[in-house]
Amino acid sequence: GSRVMIERWGGPATLEGRLRRIEPAAFTRVSALGVEEQRVRVLIDITTPPPQWQALGDGYRVGVRIVTLSQARAVQVPVSAVFPLPAGAGGGDPDGGAAAAARHAVFLADGGRARQVAVALGARNGSTAWIQSGLTPGQQVIVYPPATVRDGVRVKARKV
């Protein structure tokens, strides 16, 4: 029943669908580049009206995104800005309370200086992390912070 967005199918628009079934076993295929890949069959019911996807044929390969979590007004940052804190750092709560979730941090660019801030992650994928606490919308984070970045070090924004 999860929402599915079907992209890269050969048409101009993203199609909508609902996940019906993920088959329980994977199978191995060799890609065009000769790499063995594990694949799983997924059955999707397309909910977009048929006239918009009638050019899609049987056996077509498509790119899909399955929405497993949706949060309104979530604070998000690139995963490349988030790093784990050492054990015992970040204000972790030994009783396992809400503060125990802050086992990660980001560096903010704050007034031309780097400032390390502990954050609690809600979820993440390959590109984006949802920050449950520790940041507010609009704060500027440092992506791929080098080992030389520390609290208070001068930083300068640049386009990446």
Protein backbone atom coordinates (compact mmCIF):
# COMPACT_ATOMS: atom_id res chain seq x y z
CA GLY A 1 0.00 0.00 0.00
CA SER A 2 2.99 2.39 0.08
CA ARG A 3 2.96 5.27 -2.40
CA VAL A 4 5.17 4.76 -5.46
CA MET A 5 6.51 7.32 -7.91
CA ILE A 6 7.47 5.83 -11.27
CA GLU A 7 10.24 7.82 -12.91
CA ARG A 8 12.49 7.21 -15.91
CA TRP A 9 9.88 5.15 -17.77
CA GLY A 10 10.19 6.93 -21.11
CA GLY A 11 7.33 9.38 -20.70
CA PRO A 12 7.36 13.07 -19.79
CA ALA A 13 5.70 12.88 -16.35
CA THR A 14 6.17 10.93 -13.13
CA LEU A 15 3.49 8.27 -12.72
CA GLU A 16 1.83 7.46 -9.39
CA GLY A 17 1.17 4.00 -8.03
CA ARG A 18 0.64 1.83 -4.97
CA LEU A 19 2.90 -1.01 -3.89
CA ARG A 20 1.01 -4.30 -4.00
CA ARG A 21 3.73 -6.86 -3.27
CA ILE A 22 7.47 -7.32 -2.87
CA GLU A 23 8.36 -10.90 -3.69
CA PRO A 24 10.16 -12.68 -0.83
CA ALA A 25 13.21 -13.96 -2.74
CA ALA A 26 15.82 -12.22 -4.85
CA PHE A 27 17.47 -13.54 -8.00
CA THR A 28 20.84 -12.80 -9.58
CA ARG A 29 21.27 -11.21 -13.00
CA VAL A 30 24.40 -10.05 -14.78
CA SER A 31 24.20 -6.40 -15.86
CA ALA A 32 25.26 -5.07 -19.24
CA LEU A 33 28.58 -4.16 -17.59
CA GLY A 34 29.13 -7.75 -16.44
CA VAL A 35 28.32 -7.08 -12.78
CA GLU A 36 26.23 -9.59 -10.84
CA GLU A 37 23.19 -7.84 -9.33
CA GLN A 38 20.62 -9.04 -6.84
CA ARG A 39 17.10 -8.15 -7.96
CA VAL A 40 13.67 -8.48 -6.42
CA ARG A 41 10.36 -8.44 -8.27
CA VAL A 42 7.96 -5.74 -7.12
CA LEU A 43 4.30 -5.55 -8.13
CA ILE A 44 2.90 -2.02 -8.45
CA ASP A 45 -0.65 -0.93 -9.27
CA ILE A 46 -0.43 2.23 -11.37
CA THR A 47 -2.96 4.80 -10.13
CA THR A 48 -2.27 7.50 -12.74
CA PRO A 49 -5.05 7.51 -15.40
CA PRO A 50 -4.20 5.06 -18.26
CA PRO A 51 -4.08 7.67 -21.07
CA GLN A 52 -0.97 9.13 -19.40
CA TRP A 53 0.93 5.82 -19.41
CA GLN A 54 -0.50 3.86 -22.34
CA ALA A 55 2.91 3.92 -24.09
CA LEU A 56 4.38 1.85 -21.23
CA GLY A 57 4.68 -1.74 -22.41
CA ASP A 58 5.14 -5.14 -20.81
CA GLY A 59 8.67 -5.86 -19.63
CA TYR A 60 9.80 -2.22 -19.63
CA ARG A 61 12.50 -1.27 -17.15
CA VAL A 62 11.55 1.73 -15.02
CA GLY A 63 13.01 3.70 -12.12
CA VAL A 64 10.76 3.89 -9.06
CA ARG A 65 10.77 5.52 -5.64
CA ILE A 66 8.77 3.80 -2.93
CA VAL A 67 7.69 6.22 -0.22
CA THR A 68 8.22 4.45 3.11
CA LEU A 69 7.98 7.57 5.28
CA SER A 70 6.46 10.97 4.73
CA GLN A 71 6.84 13.83 7.22
CA ALA A 72 5.37 17.29 6.70
CA ARG A 73 7.84 20.19 7.06
CA ALA A 74 10.75 17.92 7.94
CA VAL A 75 14.18 19.49 8.36
CA GLN A 76 16.42 17.73 5.82
CA VAL A 77 20.13 17.92 5.09
CA PRO A 78 22.41 16.05 2.68
CA VAL A 79 23.67 12.82 4.29
CA SER A 80 27.17 14.02 3.43
CA ALA A 81 26.81 16.65 6.18
CA VAL A 82 26.00 14.12 8.95
CA PHE A 83 28.67 12.21 10.86
CA PRO A 84 28.57 9.87 13.88
CA LEU A 85 29.66 11.13 17.27
CA PRO A 86 32.09 9.07 19.34
CA ALA A 87 30.55 6.91 22.08
CA GLY A 88 29.61 9.06 25.05
CA ALA A 89 29.55 12.30 23.04
CA GLY A 90 26.58 14.37 21.95
CA GLY A 91 24.68 14.50 25.20
CA GLY A 92 23.55 10.88 24.97
CA ASP A 93 21.10 9.95 27.71
CA PRO A 94 22.26 6.79 29.54
CA ASP A 95 18.63 6.03 30.42
CA GLY A 96 17.74 5.81 26.71
CA GLY A 97 15.57 8.94 26.66
CA ALA A 98 15.11 11.34 23.74
CA ALA A 99 18.62 12.76 24.11
CA ALA A 100 20.08 9.28 23.51
CA ALA A 101 19.03 9.62 19.86
CA ALA A 102 21.54 12.49 19.33
CA ARG A 103 24.43 10.22 18.34
CA HIS A 104 25.18 12.19 15.18
CA ALA A 105 26.28 15.74 14.45
CA VAL A 106 26.67 18.30 11.70
CA PHE A 107 28.86 21.35 11.34
CA LEU A 108 26.96 24.58 10.86
CA ALA A 109 28.42 27.57 9.05
CA ASP A 110 27.54 30.17 11.67
CA GLY A 111 28.82 33.71 11.21
CA GLY A 112 31.87 32.56 9.24
CA ARG A 113 32.81 29.91 11.81
CA ALA A 114 32.13 26.19 12.03
CA ARG A 115 29.97 25.09 14.91
CA GLN A 116 29.43 21.40 15.72
CA VAL A 117 25.83 20.61 16.65
CA ALA A 118 24.50 17.26 17.89
CA VAL A 119 21.41 16.13 15.96
CA ALA A 120 18.86 13.35 16.26
CA LEU A 121 18.12 11.56 12.99
CA GLY A 122 14.59 10.50 12.18
CA ALA A 123 15.48 8.59 9.03
CA ARG A 124 17.75 8.78 6.02
CA ASN A 125 18.23 7.41 2.55
CA GLY A 126 21.16 7.51 0.17
CA SER A 127 21.04 11.26 -0.28
CA THR A 128 19.00 12.96 2.45
CA ALA A 129 18.78 12.79 6.24
CA TRP A 130 15.73 13.87 8.25
CA ILE A 131 16.80 15.80 11.33
CA GLN A 132 14.30 15.38 14.18
CA SER A 133 16.07 17.75 16.55
CA GLY A 134 19.15 19.93 16.75
CA LEU A 135 18.59 22.09 13.65
CA THR A 136 16.03 24.62 12.48
CA PRO A 137 14.98 25.24 8.88
CA GLY A 138 17.36 27.47 6.94
CA GLN A 139 20.52 26.77 8.91
CA GLN A 140 23.51 26.22 6.62
CA VAL A 141 25.39 22.94 7.10
CA ILE A 142 28.84 21.99 5.84
CA VAL A 143 28.81 19.03 3.45
CA TYR A 144 31.79 16.66 3.33
CA PRO A 145 33.53 18.43 6.24
CA PRO A 146 37.27 17.73 6.07
CA ALA A 147 39.15 16.50 9.14
CA THR A 148 40.53 20.02 9.59
CA VAL A 149 37.09 21.43 10.43
CA ARG A 150 36.59 21.84 14.17
CA ASP A 151 34.40 23.99 16.40
CA GLY A 152 35.30 27.65 15.89
CA VAL A 153 37.40 27.20 12.74
CA ARG A 154 36.86 29.90 10.10
CA VAL A 155 34.81 28.70 7.12
CA LYS A 156 33.67 30.29 3.91
CA ALA A 157 30.69 29.21 1.79
CA ARG A 158 31.30 28.08 -1.77
CA LYS A 159 29.09 26.56 -4.42
CA VAL A 160 29.24 22.80 -4.85
